[in-house]
Structure formats: C-alpha cells, structure tokens
Amino acid sequence: MLTLRMMKTFRLVAQTGSFAAAAERAALTQAAVSLQMRGLEDAVGQRLFDRRGRQITLTRQGRELFPRIERILALTADLTASPLDAMQGPVTIGAVVSVIGALSLVVAELKTAHPGLDVRLTSARSDELTDLVEQGEVDIAAVVARADDARPDGLVWTPLYTEPMVMVVNREVWDATPDANPQSVLDEHAFLRFDRRVRTGLVVEQALRAAKLTVTEYLELNSIETIVALVRKNVGVSVLPLLHRGDWQADPLLRIVPIAEPPLLRTVGMIHREHDSRTRDITAAIVGMLHDV
C-alpha cells in the first residue's frame, strides 16, 4: 500500500542520491529506508532506482514519478494547513509513559475549557510516536529528544523541560554505606537499567559514561516507575532522569544522588506536523498549561 511516508522518503532519496543520507535526514535507519523503497516499488509496480554501490539514481520511471509525488505532497501540505477551529473536533495526543501522568491532567483541563475538543490519549516510545506523528496517525506527541537532536523533516519541536540524570537508591542502603558515593554504592549493589533500545536508555548510558561509573547489571526494564518501585524494595539501584514533578525527593524510602556537575539532562518536548496550524495552536495551549500544572 502506497503511503505518504513512503513518498516523503522517496523524495529524500531522490534529492540526496543516497539511502544513507536520506535515512539521516529522516531520522530512520538505512534498513528502514530500503524497506520503504521496496514497498514503494511494489506499490507502483515499477523499478524506481538504479543501485550502483552507494550511489542511488532514479530510473526513467522514477524520474517520471518524482514530480507527481511532489504535487501530492504539496497538496497534502495545503490540506493540513487549511484553517480550522483548533479547539473543536478530534485530536490524538501521544506521550512517553513517564510524561503521560502530567499530560493527562493538562488534557482534562483543556477539555473543561473546550468541551468541543474530542481528545484521545495514547502512549508509546519516542521513536514510535515520532513515526506516528509523521504518518498523521497521532497529531501531537510529548517525546524525549534524540541524543543527536535530529528529527524528521516536516515536524516542529517545542521544548517543554529538562530533567537531570541522577542516582536513585534506597535510603537505608545509602545511609548504611560507609563514605557513600555513587560508585561505592554501585560496587555493592545490583544495577537496574532502563531499556537501552529507547532514547531514555541511551541518555542513561551517556550519563554513566560521562560520570565514569561502572555497574553490575541485574535487570533491564522499560518502565521508570517499575524501576523506582524495585529500588524502594531494595532490589537494586538505578540511574534515571529525575522526573518532572515526580516528587521522589519527598519519598522517605528513596535517596536522590547527583552523579555529575553539571548534570547530563534528558530533554522532553512536543512535536507536531509543520504545516498543521490546528495542532500548532493546541500544542501552544498544552505547553502553557503544563508549565502551570
């Protein structure tokens, strides 16, 4: 099936002459670009590329298809740019799990102020949400910034806040460790690692390297709250972003320990499609309300 995402990727390949360069600009893997282009060729029933080493050129059929795809993408941009009442009708908003709590409070407030707005909330990983926004299946999403700060063409990034990377340790463990410091605690206790396949896990790894901390791996999990619950039970220790309004410092079972100065930061922001004025207005409202929650 032919999709807008395939057409956007085809345009990048045609412009750059390289699957690798197109992948970099689209914040995709080269394998994902290759898969999309094979799907496009299957959908149109024609060979669109001459593949000679690393250089990609369009076949005659590809050159004929290119201006037609350009017209389709321009028309799509015009449609999404059409003026609409921003605070009426359906909107799908996504967020990573660690942001969904605060975001749901804002959405409830937004619904109270604008009863005609029909909001659907969904949660997924940052990369998945970015793809869904690009494809038009999600309108707005709160995601973690990539380490290289790259994002697909056509998406607008609005920063929300940053969170310092810290050690989260059971208070009794910290108090019982002589001359306690992050490395001495890590030497004696199992490390609960956040999933390295996602953006927050990569930030955790960067923080460990920047602070020159070594760990004894125990479990790798994809839920920050589950990790913190295990720390409370003295199963292990972890390095995590200090969640915005997480209130961990007030928890009598936890000790929050800085691991570097200045700290490495996790950045959270909102993304929406560039030419969609409706989602731009809703994003602005969410950002303003989230800062007031």
C-alpha atoms as a PDB file:
ATOM      1  CA  MET A   1       0.000   0.000   0.000  1.00  0.00           C
ATOM      2  CA  LEU A   2       1.297   3.409  -1.007  1.00  0.00           C
ATOM      3  CA  THR A   3       1.707   5.765   1.976  1.00  0.00           C
ATOM      4  CA  LEU A   4       2.641   9.408   2.462  1.00  0.00           C
ATOM      5  CA  ARG A   5       5.623   8.284   4.490  1.00  0.00           C
ATOM      6  CA  MET A   6       6.948   6.291   1.530  1.00  0.00           C
ATOM      7  CA  MET A   7       6.519   9.311  -0.739  1.00  0.00           C
ATOM      8  CA  LYS A   8       8.350  11.606   1.682  1.00  0.00           C
ATOM      9  CA  THR A   9      11.213   9.143   1.949  1.00  0.00           C
ATOM     10  CA  PHE A  10      11.311   8.721  -1.849  1.00  0.00           C
ATOM     11  CA  ARG A  11      11.658  12.490  -2.196  1.00  0.00           C
ATOM     12  CA  LEU A  12      14.629  12.483   0.208  1.00  0.00           C
ATOM     13  CA  VAL A  13      16.327   9.613  -1.639  1.00  0.00           C
ATOM     14  CA  ALA A  14      15.795  11.400  -4.967  1.00  0.00           C
ATOM     15  CA  GLN A  15      17.178  14.647  -3.537  1.00  0.00           C
ATOM     16  CA  THR A  16      20.222  13.125  -1.809  1.00  0.00           C
ATOM     17  CA  GLY A  17      21.008  10.243  -4.150  1.00  0.00           C
ATOM     18  CA  SER A  18      21.681   8.003  -1.187  1.00  0.00           C
ATOM     19  CA  PHE A  19      19.675   5.736   1.104  1.00  0.00           C
ATOM     20  CA  ALA A  20      22.140   6.527   3.918  1.00  0.00           C
ATOM     21  CA  ALA A  21      21.791  10.314   3.516  1.00  0.00           C
ATOM     22  CA  ALA A  22      18.004  10.030   3.258  1.00  0.00           C
ATOM     23  CA  ALA A  23      17.958   7.901   6.415  1.00  0.00           C
ATOM     24  CA  GLU A  24      19.997  10.521   8.292  1.00  0.00           C
ATOM     25  CA  ARG A  25      17.682  13.361   7.240  1.00  0.00           C
ATOM     26  CA  ALA A  26      14.547  11.347   8.066  1.00  0.00           C
ATOM     27  CA  ALA A  27      15.927  10.082  11.416  1.00  0.00           C
ATOM     28  CA  LEU A  28      15.469   6.492  10.201  1.00  0.00           C
ATOM     29  CA  THR A  29      17.798   3.536   9.820  1.00  0.00           C
ATOM     30  CA  GLN A  30      19.144   2.798   6.343  1.00  0.00           C
ATOM     31  CA  ALA A  31      17.374  -0.572   6.529  1.00  0.00           C
ATOM     32  CA  ALA A  32      14.051   1.183   7.164  1.00  0.00           C
ATOM     33  CA  VAL A  33      14.582   3.437   4.138  1.00  0.00           C
ATOM     34  CA  SER A  34      15.420   0.424   1.957  1.00  0.00           C
ATOM     35  CA  LEU A  35      12.307  -1.385   3.202  1.00  0.00           C
ATOM     36  CA  GLN A  36      10.104   1.630   2.442  1.00  0.00           C
ATOM     37  CA  MET A  37      11.515   1.987  -1.063  1.00  0.00           C
ATOM     38  CA  ARG A  38      10.974  -1.693  -1.826  1.00  0.00           C
ATOM     39  CA  GLY A  39       7.401  -1.234  -0.637  1.00  0.00           C
ATOM     40  CA  LEU A  40       7.020   1.812  -2.907  1.00  0.00           C
ATOM     41  CA  GLU A  41       8.310  -0.120  -5.915  1.00  0.00           C
ATOM     42  CA  ASP A  42       5.908  -2.953  -5.130  1.00  0.00           C
ATOM     43  CA  ALA A  43       3.013  -0.488  -4.755  1.00  0.00           C
ATOM     44  CA  VAL A  44       3.593   1.208  -8.125  1.00  0.00           C
ATOM     45  CA  GLY A  45       4.744  -1.968  -9.886  1.00  0.00           C
ATOM     46  CA  GLN A  46       7.893  -0.376 -11.293  1.00  0.00           C
ATOM     47  CA  ARG A  47      11.635  -0.336 -10.609  1.00  0.00           C
ATOM     48  CA  LEU A  48      12.417   3.196  -9.448  1.00  0.00           C
ATOM     49  CA  PHE A  49      16.130   3.024  -8.584  1.00  0.00           C
ATOM     50  CA  ASP A  50      19.414   2.046 -10.148  1.00  0.00           C
ATOM     51  CA  ARG A  51      21.504   0.753  -7.259  1.00  0.00           C
ATOM     52  CA  ARG A  52      25.197   1.013  -8.058  1.00  0.00           C
ATOM     53  CA  GLY A  53      27.291   0.769  -4.933  1.00  0.00           C
ATOM     54  CA  ARG A  54      26.431   3.532  -2.509  1.00  0.00           C
ATOM     55  CA  GLN A  55      25.130   5.875  -5.204  1.00  0.00           C
ATOM     56  CA  ILE A  56      21.407   5.717  -5.987  1.00  0.00           C
ATOM     57  CA  THR A  57      19.975   7.143  -9.208  1.00  0.00           C
ATOM     58  CA  LEU A  58      16.403   7.211 -10.415  1.00  0.00           C
ATOM     59  CA  THR A  59      15.323   5.064 -13.323  1.00  0.00           C
ATOM     60  CA  ARG A  60      13.229   6.625 -16.073  1.00  0.00           C
ATOM     61  CA  GLN A  61      10.116   5.507 -14.199  1.00  0.00           C
ATOM     62  CA  GLY A  62      11.486   7.051 -11.009  1.00  0.00           C
ATOM     63  CA  ARG A  63      12.170  10.361 -12.732  1.00  0.00           C
ATOM     64  CA  GLU A  64       8.638  10.389 -14.123  1.00  0.00           C
ATOM     65  CA  LEU A  65       7.159   9.588 -10.718  1.00  0.00           C
ATOM     66  CA  PHE A  66       9.123  12.258  -8.829  1.00  0.00           C
ATOM     67  CA  PRO A  67       7.137  15.376  -9.939  1.00  0.00           C
ATOM     68  CA  ARG A  68       3.838  13.560  -9.370  1.00  0.00           C
ATOM     69  CA  ILE A  69       4.850  12.733  -5.807  1.00  0.00           C
ATOM     70  CA  GLU A  70       5.976  16.327  -5.291  1.00  0.00           C
ATOM     71  CA  ARG A  71       2.489  17.505  -6.313  1.00  0.00           C
ATOM     72  CA  ILE A  72       0.804  15.030  -3.966  1.00  0.00           C
ATOM     73  CA  LEU A  73       2.964  16.136  -1.022  1.00  0.00           C
ATOM     74  CA  ALA A  74       2.308  19.816  -1.797  1.00  0.00           C
ATOM     75  CA  LEU A  75      -1.447  19.195  -1.918  1.00  0.00           C
ATOM     76  CA  THR A  76      -1.271  17.300   1.361  1.00  0.00           C
ATOM     77  CA  ALA A  77       0.586  20.210   2.976  1.00  0.00           C
ATOM     78  CA  ASP A  78      -2.090  22.606   1.721  1.00  0.00           C
ATOM     79  CA  LEU A  79      -4.850  20.441   3.164  1.00  0.00           C
ATOM     80  CA  THR A  80      -3.254  20.230   6.598  1.00  0.00           C
ATOM     81  CA  ALA A  81      -2.632  23.981   6.516  1.00  0.00           C
ATOM     82  CA  SER A  82      -6.326  24.757   5.932  1.00  0.00           C
ATOM     83  CA  PRO A  83      -7.762  26.950   8.706  1.00  0.00           C
ATOM     84  CA  LEU A  84      -9.813  25.002  11.265  1.00  0.00           C
ATOM     85  CA  ASP A  85     -11.163  25.751  14.704  1.00  0.00           C
ATOM     86  CA  ALA A  86      -8.265  24.390  16.745  1.00  0.00           C
ATOM     87  CA  MET A  87     -10.348  23.667  19.816  1.00  0.00           C
ATOM     88  CA  GLN A  88     -13.085  21.653  18.079  1.00  0.00           C
ATOM     89  CA  GLY A  89     -13.202  18.086  16.842  1.00  0.00           C
ATOM     90  CA  PRO A  90     -10.966  15.047  17.316  1.00  0.00           C
ATOM     91  CA  VAL A  91      -7.278  15.178  18.216  1.00  0.00           C
ATOM     92  CA  THR A  92      -4.951  12.324  19.138  1.00  0.00           C
ATOM     93  CA  ILE A  93      -2.183  13.179  21.600  1.00  0.00           C
ATOM     94  CA  GLY A  94       0.645  10.805  22.435  1.00  0.00           C
ATOM     95  CA  ALA A  95       3.280  10.757  25.149  1.00  0.00           C
ATOM     96  CA  VAL A  96       6.011   8.576  26.564  1.00  0.00           C
ATOM     97  CA  VAL A  97       4.888   6.767  29.715  1.00  0.00           C
ATOM     98  CA  SER A  98       6.866   8.995  32.091  1.00  0.00           C
ATOM     99  CA  VAL A  99       5.059  12.104  30.797  1.00  0.00           C
ATOM    100  CA  ILE A 100       1.531  10.721  30.418  1.00  0.00           C
ATOM    101  CA  GLY A 101       0.535  11.466  34.035  1.00  0.00           C
ATOM    102  CA  ALA A 102       1.210  15.195  33.917  1.00  0.00           C
ATOM    103  CA  LEU A 103      -0.120  15.390  30.368  1.00  0.00           C
ATOM    104  CA  SER A 104      -3.437  13.760  31.306  1.00  0.00           C
ATOM    105  CA  LEU A 105      -4.030  16.484  33.914  1.00  0.00           C
ATOM    106  CA  VAL A 106      -3.473  19.138  31.264  1.00  0.00           C
ATOM    107  CA  VAL A 107      -5.767  17.357  28.804  1.00  0.00           C
ATOM    108  CA  ALA A 108      -8.527  17.228  31.420  1.00  0.00           C
ATOM    109  CA  GLU A 109      -8.135  20.972  31.954  1.00  0.00           C
ATOM    110  CA  LEU A 110      -8.117  21.544  28.188  1.00  0.00           C
ATOM    111  CA  LYS A 111     -11.337  19.520  27.810  1.00  0.00           C
ATOM    112  CA  THR A 112     -13.028  21.550  30.542  1.00  0.00           C
ATOM    113  CA  ALA A 113     -12.120  24.792  28.797  1.00  0.00           C
ATOM    114  CA  HIS A 114     -13.049  23.457  25.340  1.00  0.00           C
ATOM    115  CA  PRO A 115     -15.852  20.862  25.558  1.00  0.00           C
ATOM    116  CA  GLY A 116     -15.979  20.549  21.756  1.00  0.00           C
ATOM    117  CA  LEU A 117     -12.475  19.088  21.687  1.00  0.00           C
ATOM    118  CA  ASP A 118     -12.524  15.291  21.407  1.00  0.00           C
ATOM    119  CA  VAL A 119      -9.177  14.096  22.793  1.00  0.00           C
ATOM    120  CA  ARG A 120      -7.688  10.608  22.574  1.00  0.00           C
ATOM    121  CA  LEU A 121      -4.553   9.944  24.636  1.00  0.00           C
ATOM    122  CA  THR A 122      -2.092   7.217  23.713  1.00  0.00           C
ATOM    123  CA  SER A 123       1.320   6.124  24.985  1.00  0.00           C
ATOM    124  CA  ALA A 124       4.313   4.677  23.144  1.00  0.00           C
ATOM    125  CA  ARG A 125       8.076   5.034  22.837  1.00  0.00           C
ATOM    126  CA  SER A 126       9.541   8.275  21.490  1.00  0.00           C
ATOM    127  CA  ASP A 127      10.641   6.810  18.144  1.00  0.00           C
ATOM    128  CA  GLU A 128       7.264   5.150  17.646  1.00  0.00           C
ATOM    129  CA  LEU A 129       5.419   8.364  18.456  1.00  0.00           C
ATOM    130  CA  THR A 130       7.628  10.337  16.063  1.00  0.00           C
ATOM    131  CA  ASP A 131       6.739   7.920  13.267  1.00  0.00           C
ATOM    132  CA  LEU A 132       3.027   8.119  14.136  1.00  0.00           C
ATOM    133  CA  VAL A 133       3.055  11.931  14.071  1.00  0.00           C
ATOM    134  CA  GLU A 134       4.894  11.925  10.751  1.00  0.00           C
ATOM    135  CA  GLN A 135       2.340   9.482   9.319  1.00  0.00           C
ATOM    136  CA  GLY A 136      -0.605  11.534  10.619  1.00  0.00           C
ATOM    137  CA  GLU A 137      -1.902   8.808  12.948  1.00  0.00           C
ATOM    138  CA  VAL A 138      -1.056  10.919  16.017  1.00  0.00           C
ATOM    139  CA  ASP A 139      -1.479  14.702  15.906  1.00  0.00           C
ATOM    140  CA  ILE A 140       0.797  15.822  18.758  1.00  0.00           C
ATOM    141  CA  ALA A 141       3.234  13.919  20.968  1.00  0.00           C
ATOM    142  CA  ALA A 142       5.388  14.524  24.023  1.00  0.00           C
ATOM    143  CA  VAL A 143       8.687  12.732  23.402  1.00  0.00           C
ATOM    144  CA  VAL A 144      12.278  12.555  24.620  1.00  0.00           C
ATOM    145  CA  ALA A 145      14.772  14.410  22.433  1.00  0.00           C
ATOM    146  CA  ARG A 146      17.242  12.316  20.466  1.00  0.00           C
ATOM    147  CA  ALA A 147      20.843  12.490  21.594  1.00  0.00           C
ATOM    148  CA  ASP A 148      21.837  13.967  18.214  1.00  0.00           C
ATOM    149  CA  ASP A 149      18.862  16.372  18.298  1.00  0.00           C
ATOM    150  CA  ALA A 150      17.747  15.147  14.859  1.00  0.00           C
ATOM    151  CA  ARG A 151      14.109  14.836  13.815  1.00  0.00           C
ATOM    152  CA  PRO A 152      12.345  14.164  10.538  1.00  0.00           C
ATOM    153  CA  ASP A 153      11.761  16.996   8.103  1.00  0.00           C
ATOM    154  CA  GLY A 154       8.279  18.445   8.424  1.00  0.00           C
ATOM    155  CA  LEU A 155       7.998  18.133  12.216  1.00  0.00           C
ATOM    156  CA  VAL A 156       8.155  21.070  14.633  1.00  0.00           C
ATOM    157  CA  TRP A 157       9.825  20.657  18.040  1.00  0.00           C
ATOM    158  CA  THR A 158       8.683  22.660  21.083  1.00  0.00           C
ATOM    159  CA  PRO A 159      10.821  22.082  24.223  1.00  0.00           C
ATOM    160  CA  LEU A 160       8.960  21.515  27.475  1.00  0.00           C
ATOM    161  CA  TYR A 161      11.555  20.916  30.182  1.00  0.00           C
ATOM    162  CA  THR A 162      14.790  19.147  31.073  1.00  0.00           C
ATOM    163  CA  GLU A 163      15.415  16.546  33.770  1.00  0.00           C
ATOM    164  CA  PRO A 164      18.828  15.881  35.374  1.00  0.00           C
ATOM    165  CA  MET A 165      20.152  12.328  35.391  1.00  0.00           C
ATOM    166  CA  VAL A 166      20.536  11.133  38.999  1.00  0.00           C
ATOM    167  CA  MET A 167      21.159   8.008  41.028  1.00  0.00           C
ATOM    168  CA  VAL A 168      18.041   6.607  42.721  1.00  0.00           C
ATOM    169  CA  VAL A 169      18.912   4.470  45.727  1.00  0.00           C
ATOM    170  CA  ASN A 170      17.122   3.033  48.740  1.00  0.00           C
ATOM    171  CA  ARG A 171      17.634   5.427  51.655  1.00  0.00           C
ATOM    172  CA  GLU A 172      18.673   2.638  54.047  1.00  0.00           C
ATOM    173  CA  VAL A 173      21.283   1.428  51.556  1.00  0.00           C
ATOM    174  CA  TRP A 174      22.762   4.895  51.208  1.00  0.00           C
ATOM    175  CA  ASP A 175      22.796   5.525  54.953  1.00  0.00           C
ATOM    176  CA  ALA A 176      24.405   2.118  55.608  1.00  0.00           C
ATOM    177  CA  THR A 177      27.230   2.575  53.074  1.00  0.00           C
ATOM    178  CA  PRO A 178      30.427   3.964  54.650  1.00  0.00           C
ATOM    179  CA  ASP A 179      31.659   7.092  52.849  1.00  0.00           C
ATOM    180  CA  ALA A 180      28.753   6.705  50.460  1.00  0.00           C
ATOM    181  CA  ASN A 181      29.234   7.949  46.909  1.00  0.00           C
ATOM    182  CA  PRO A 182      27.662   6.818  43.618  1.00  0.00           C
ATOM    183  CA  GLN A 183      30.476   4.403  42.668  1.00  0.00           C
ATOM    184  CA  SER A 184      30.758   2.819  46.119  1.00  0.00           C
ATOM    185  CA  VAL A 185      27.014   2.111  46.107  1.00  0.00           C
ATOM    186  CA  LEU A 186      27.166   0.706  42.566  1.00  0.00           C
ATOM    187  CA  ASP A 187      30.086  -1.522  43.575  1.00  0.00           C
ATOM    188  CA  GLU A 188      27.990  -3.193  46.262  1.00  0.00           C
ATOM    189  CA  HIS A 189      24.520  -3.317  44.730  1.00  0.00           C
ATOM    190  CA  ALA A 190      22.817  -4.618  41.596  1.00  0.00           C
ATOM    191  CA  PHE A 191      22.082  -2.142  38.837  1.00  0.00           C
ATOM    192  CA  LEU A 192      18.561  -1.752  37.458  1.00  0.00           C
ATOM    193  CA  ARG A 193      18.975  -0.435  33.933  1.00  0.00           C
ATOM    194  CA  PHE A 194      16.407   1.348  31.822  1.00  0.00           C
ATOM    195  CA  ASP A 195      15.850  -0.161  28.361  1.00  0.00           C
ATOM    196  CA  ARG A 196      18.833   0.668  26.130  1.00  0.00           C
ATOM    197  CA  ARG A 197      16.739   0.329  22.964  1.00  0.00           C
ATOM    198  CA  VAL A 198      14.929   3.622  23.618  1.00  0.00           C
ATOM    199  CA  ARG A 199      16.032   7.232  23.912  1.00  0.00           C
ATOM    200  CA  THR A 200      15.942   7.460  27.720  1.00  0.00           C
ATOM    201  CA  GLY A 201      18.066   4.318  27.973  1.00  0.00           C
ATOM    202  CA  LEU A 202      20.645   5.901  25.694  1.00  0.00           C
ATOM    203  CA  VAL A 203      20.704   9.012  27.899  1.00  0.00           C
ATOM    204  CA  VAL A 204      21.244   6.779  30.944  1.00  0.00           C
ATOM    205  CA  GLU A 205      24.214   5.156  29.206  1.00  0.00           C
ATOM    206  CA  GLN A 206      25.638   8.586  28.310  1.00  0.00           C
ATOM    207  CA  ALA A 207      25.287   9.694  31.933  1.00  0.00           C
ATOM    208  CA  LEU A 208      27.108   6.618  33.229  1.00  0.00           C
ATOM    209  CA  ARG A 209      29.958   7.168  30.782  1.00  0.00           C
ATOM    210  CA  ALA A 210      30.183  10.893  31.488  1.00  0.00           C
ATOM    211  CA  ALA A 211      30.344  10.238  35.244  1.00  0.00           C
ATOM    212  CA  LYS A 212      32.808   7.316  34.675  1.00  0.00           C
ATOM    213  CA  LEU A 213      30.575   4.969  36.670  1.00  0.00           C
ATOM    214  CA  THR A 214      30.758   1.174  36.322  1.00  0.00           C
ATOM    215  CA  VAL A 215      27.798  -1.032  37.137  1.00  0.00           C
ATOM    216  CA  THR A 216      26.914  -4.654  37.873  1.00  0.00           C
ATOM    217  CA  GLU A 217      23.994  -5.437  35.576  1.00  0.00           C
ATOM    218  CA  TYR A 218      20.993  -7.152  37.162  1.00  0.00           C
ATOM    219  CA  LEU A 219      17.761  -6.292  35.315  1.00  0.00           C
ATOM    220  CA  GLU A 220      16.873  -4.200  32.276  1.00  0.00           C
ATOM    221  CA  LEU A 221      13.342  -2.798  32.314  1.00  0.00           C
ATOM    222  CA  ASN A 222      11.314  -0.381  30.190  1.00  0.00           C
ATOM    223  CA  SER A 223       9.355   1.338  32.976  1.00  0.00           C
ATOM    224  CA  ILE A 224      10.845   4.096  35.125  1.00  0.00           C
ATOM    225  CA  GLU A 225       8.158   3.702  37.789  1.00  0.00           C
ATOM    226  CA  THR A 226       8.756  -0.058  37.993  1.00  0.00           C
ATOM    227  CA  ILE A 227      12.469   0.541  38.497  1.00  0.00           C
ATOM    228  CA  VAL A 228      11.778   3.067  41.251  1.00  0.00           C
ATOM    229  CA  ALA A 229       9.372   0.613  42.922  1.00  0.00           C
ATOM    230  CA  LEU A 230      12.143  -2.021  42.924  1.00  0.00           C
ATOM    231  CA  VAL A 231      14.592   0.492  44.413  1.00  0.00           C
ATOM    232  CA  ARG A 232      12.073   1.134  47.203  1.00  0.00           C
ATOM    233  CA  LYS A 233      12.072  -2.640  47.853  1.00  0.00           C
ATOM    234  CA  ASN A 234      15.895  -2.612  47.952  1.00  0.00           C
ATOM    235  CA  VAL A 235      16.228  -4.853  44.879  1.00  0.00           C
ATOM    236  CA  GLY A 236      18.917  -2.618  43.398  1.00  0.00           C
ATOM    237  CA  VAL A 237      19.931   0.917  42.463  1.00  0.00           C
ATOM    238  CA  SER A 238      19.498   2.867  39.249  1.00  0.00           C
ATOM    239  CA  VAL A 239      20.408   5.966  37.257  1.00  0.00           C
ATOM    240  CA  LEU A 240      17.328   7.728  35.867  1.00  0.00           C
ATOM    241  CA  PRO A 241      16.037  11.149  34.857  1.00  0.00           C
ATOM    242  CA  LEU A 242      14.637  12.997  37.863  1.00  0.00           C
ATOM    243  CA  LEU A 243      11.059  13.102  36.618  1.00  0.00           C
ATOM    244  CA  HIS A 244       9.379  16.474  36.289  1.00  0.00           C
ATOM    245  CA  ARG A 245       7.039  16.682  39.306  1.00  0.00           C
ATOM    246  CA  GLY A 246       7.989  13.121  40.266  1.00  0.00           C
ATOM    247  CA  ASP A 247       8.358  14.155  43.937  1.00  0.00           C
ATOM    248  CA  TRP A 248      10.988  11.488  44.586  1.00  0.00           C
ATOM    249  CA  GLN A 249      12.944  13.745  46.965  1.00  0.00           C
ATOM    250  CA  ALA A 250       9.993  13.699  49.385  1.00  0.00           C
ATOM    251  CA  ASP A 251       9.785   9.889  49.359  1.00  0.00           C
ATOM    252  CA  PRO A 252      11.051   8.568  52.726  1.00  0.00           C
ATOM    253  CA  LEU A 253      12.261   5.322  51.112  1.00  0.00           C
ATOM    254  CA  LEU A 254      14.436   6.969  48.467  1.00  0.00           C
ATOM    255  CA  ARG A 255      17.645   8.922  48.272  1.00  0.00           C
ATOM    256  CA  ILE A 256      18.287  11.000  45.141  1.00  0.00           C
ATOM    257  CA  VAL A 257      22.012  11.453  44.486  1.00  0.00           C
ATOM    258  CA  PRO A 258      23.593  13.721  41.826  1.00  0.00           C
ATOM    259  CA  ILE A 259      26.161  11.866  39.725  1.00  0.00           C
ATOM    260  CA  ALA A 260      27.787  14.774  37.864  1.00  0.00           C
ATOM    261  CA  GLU A 261      28.059  18.545  37.937  1.00  0.00           C
ATOM    262  CA  PRO A 262      26.704  19.934  35.752  1.00  0.00           C
ATOM    263  CA  PRO A 263      24.307  17.033  35.287  1.00  0.00           C
ATOM    264  CA  LEU A 264      23.573  15.370  31.982  1.00  0.00           C
ATOM    265  CA  LEU A 265      19.991  16.240  31.032  1.00  0.00           C
ATOM    266  CA  ARG A 266      17.065  14.424  29.449  1.00  0.00           C
ATOM    267  CA  THR A 267      15.034  16.860  27.328  1.00  0.00           C
ATOM    268  CA  VAL A 268      11.279  16.432  26.831  1.00  0.00           C
ATOM    269  CA  GLY A 269       9.341  18.320  24.173  1.00  0.00           C
ATOM    270  CA  MET A 270       6.257  18.312  21.957  1.00  0.00           C
ATOM    271  CA  ILE A 271       6.241  17.505  18.237  1.00  0.00           C
ATOM    272  CA  HIS A 272       3.611  18.215  15.610  1.00  0.00           C
ATOM    273  CA  ARG A 273       3.484  18.483  11.836  1.00  0.00           C
ATOM    274  CA  GLU A 274       4.937  21.698  10.445  1.00  0.00           C
ATOM    275  CA  HIS A 275       2.061  22.860   8.242  1.00  0.00           C
ATOM    276  CA  ASP A 276      -0.757  21.934  10.636  1.00  0.00           C
ATOM    277  CA  SER A 277      -1.912  25.206  12.207  1.00  0.00           C
ATOM    278  CA  ARG A 278      -4.531  23.414  14.311  1.00  0.00           C
ATOM    279  CA  THR A 279      -2.042  21.181  16.101  1.00  0.00           C
ATOM    280  CA  ARG A 280       0.289  24.170  16.473  1.00  0.00           C
ATOM    281  CA  ASP A 281      -2.427  26.035  18.421  1.00  0.00           C
ATOM    282  CA  ILE A 282      -3.307  23.004  20.558  1.00  0.00           C
ATOM    283  CA  THR A 283       0.389  22.411  21.268  1.00  0.00           C
ATOM    284  CA  ALA A 284       0.786  26.012  22.417  1.00  0.00           C
ATOM    285  CA  ALA A 285      -2.183  25.597  24.769  1.00  0.00           C
ATOM    286  CA  ILE A 286      -0.802  22.332  26.191  1.00  0.00           C
ATOM    287  CA  VAL A 287       2.669  23.777  26.731  1.00  0.00           C
ATOM    288  CA  GLY A 288       1.254  26.788  28.557  1.00  0.00           C
ATOM    289  CA  MET A 289      -0.982  24.672  30.778  1.00  0.00           C
ATOM    290  CA  LEU A 290       1.712  22.070  31.502  1.00  0.00           C
ATOM    291  CA  HIS A 291       4.012  24.782  32.824  1.00  0.00           C
ATOM    292  CA  ASP A 292       1.212  25.884  35.154  1.00  0.00           C
ATOM    293  CA  VAL A 293       0.252  22.427  36.483  1.00  0.00           C
END
